[in-house]
Amino acid sequence: MKPIAIGYLRSDISGAAQNWDEIRIRALAKRYGYDLVKTIVFTPRTPDPITRLITTADQTAAEAIFTPYLAHLGTELPSILIRTCDVITVDDENTYARSYFVCHDPTVIT
């Protein structure tokens, strides 16, 4: 059984590349061995997007969230999100592993 993942992006940040970003999310999740169960697309008007993303991750039992790059999550990687599951960025293939960040509580993650 493969670990579950969800994709996440903001439509205003992806812009015309939204379909391409979704394809890249699916491809990387597959390459990393995840079962991508859904991709969530929010707009800048979506209220409390990080809380909604965490709720979806909890409901789907997701082990990871794939996003094109960190700007889709805001100006900083939310510590509450990284405590929920791993965050993997597609552009640079960085993995922000919850096991690391749960033990090390940085004030700013860049």
Protein backbone atom coordinates (compact mmCIF):
# COMPACT_ATOMS: atom_id res chain seq x y z
CA MET A 1 0.00 0.00 0.00
CA LYS A 2 1.39 3.39 -1.02
CA PRO A 3 1.44 6.36 1.35
CA ILE A 4 -1.26 8.93 0.63
CA ALA A 5 -0.50 12.45 -0.55
CA ILE A 6 -2.45 15.49 -1.63
CA GLY A 7 -1.49 18.25 -4.00
CA TYR A 8 -1.93 21.92 -3.20
CA LEU A 9 -1.68 25.10 -5.19
CA ARG A 10 -3.03 28.62 -5.37
CA SER A 11 -4.63 29.48 -8.68
CA ASP A 12 -3.45 33.10 -8.54
CA ILE A 13 0.18 32.04 -8.09
CA SER A 14 0.11 29.33 -10.75
CA GLY A 15 -1.85 31.52 -13.16
CA ALA A 16 -1.77 30.19 -16.72
CA ALA A 17 0.58 27.39 -15.61
CA GLN A 18 -2.02 25.82 -13.28
CA ASN A 19 -2.62 22.74 -15.46
CA TRP A 20 1.13 22.26 -15.85
CA ASP A 21 1.64 22.61 -12.08
CA GLU A 22 -1.02 19.95 -11.47
CA ILE A 23 0.66 17.60 -13.96
CA ARG A 24 4.05 18.14 -12.28
CA ILE A 25 2.53 17.49 -8.83
CA ARG A 26 1.02 14.20 -10.03
CA ALA A 27 4.25 13.13 -11.74
CA LEU A 28 6.49 13.82 -8.74
CA ALA A 29 4.09 12.17 -6.30
CA LYS A 30 4.04 9.08 -8.50
CA ARG A 31 7.84 9.08 -8.86
CA TYR A 32 8.21 9.32 -5.06
CA GLY A 33 5.81 6.38 -4.58
CA TYR A 34 2.76 8.23 -3.24
CA ASP A 35 -0.91 7.71 -4.02
CA LEU A 36 -2.06 11.26 -4.84
CA VAL A 37 -5.71 11.20 -3.81
CA LYS A 38 -6.58 14.80 -4.71
CA THR A 39 -5.23 18.19 -5.60
CA ILE A 40 -6.66 21.20 -3.81
CA VAL A 41 -6.78 24.54 -5.59
CA PHE A 42 -7.51 27.65 -3.56
CA THR A 43 -7.81 31.28 -4.56
CA PRO A 44 -6.59 34.33 -2.62
CA ARG A 45 -10.17 34.70 -1.37
CA THR A 46 -10.24 31.28 0.27
CA PRO A 47 -10.66 31.84 4.01
CA ASP A 48 -8.01 30.25 6.24
CA PRO A 49 -6.42 28.08 3.52
CA ILE A 50 -3.78 26.47 5.75
CA THR A 51 -6.36 25.26 8.27
CA ARG A 52 -8.47 23.90 5.42
CA LEU A 53 -5.41 22.18 3.94
CA ILE A 54 -4.58 20.59 7.31
CA THR A 55 -8.19 19.43 7.70
CA THR A 56 -8.05 17.78 4.28
CA ALA A 57 -4.71 16.17 5.10
CA ASP A 58 -6.17 14.78 8.32
CA GLN A 59 -9.35 13.54 6.60
CA THR A 60 -7.41 11.74 3.88
CA ALA A 61 -4.66 10.49 6.23
CA ALA A 62 -2.11 12.14 3.94
CA GLU A 63 1.55 11.59 4.69
CA ALA A 64 2.67 14.41 2.37
CA ILE A 65 1.55 17.55 0.60
CA PHE A 66 3.04 18.32 -2.82
CA THR A 67 3.10 21.94 -3.93
CA PRO A 68 4.87 23.63 -6.87
CA TYR A 69 6.95 25.80 -4.53
CA LEU A 70 6.69 27.31 -1.04
CA ALA A 71 5.09 30.59 -2.16
CA HIS A 72 1.85 28.63 -2.60
CA LEU A 73 1.81 28.21 1.19
CA GLY A 74 2.56 31.85 2.07
CA THR A 75 5.67 33.79 2.93
CA GLU A 76 6.89 31.13 5.41
CA LEU A 77 6.34 27.41 5.74
CA PRO A 78 3.61 27.20 8.41
CA SER A 79 4.89 25.23 11.38
CA ILE A 80 1.39 23.90 12.09
CA LEU A 81 1.32 22.39 8.60
CA ILE A 82 4.72 20.74 8.88
CA ARG A 83 3.59 19.11 12.13
CA THR A 84 0.78 17.45 10.18
CA CYS A 85 2.67 15.93 7.26
CA ASP A 86 5.72 16.29 5.06
CA VAL A 87 5.74 19.11 2.52
CA ILE A 88 7.43 18.44 -0.82
CA THR A 89 8.10 21.20 -3.33
CA VAL A 90 8.04 20.23 -6.99
CA ASP A 91 10.32 22.93 -8.43
CA ASP A 92 13.35 22.08 -6.33
CA GLU A 93 12.25 18.68 -4.99
CA ASN A 94 12.89 19.72 -1.39
CA THR A 95 11.26 17.70 1.35
CA TYR A 96 10.38 19.43 4.58
CA ALA A 97 10.04 16.36 6.78
CA ARG A 98 7.82 16.59 9.84
CA SER A 99 10.10 14.26 11.78
CA TYR A 100 12.85 16.89 11.56
CA PHE A 101 10.69 19.92 12.26
CA VAL A 102 8.83 18.35 15.16
CA CYS A 103 12.18 17.91 16.94
CA HIS A 104 13.61 21.28 15.85
CA ASP A 105 11.24 24.19 16.28
CA PRO A 106 12.64 26.98 14.09
CA THR A 107 11.06 30.39 14.18
CA VAL A 108 11.57 30.95 10.46
CA ILE A 109 11.97 28.31 7.80
CA THR A 110 13.47 29.41 4.49
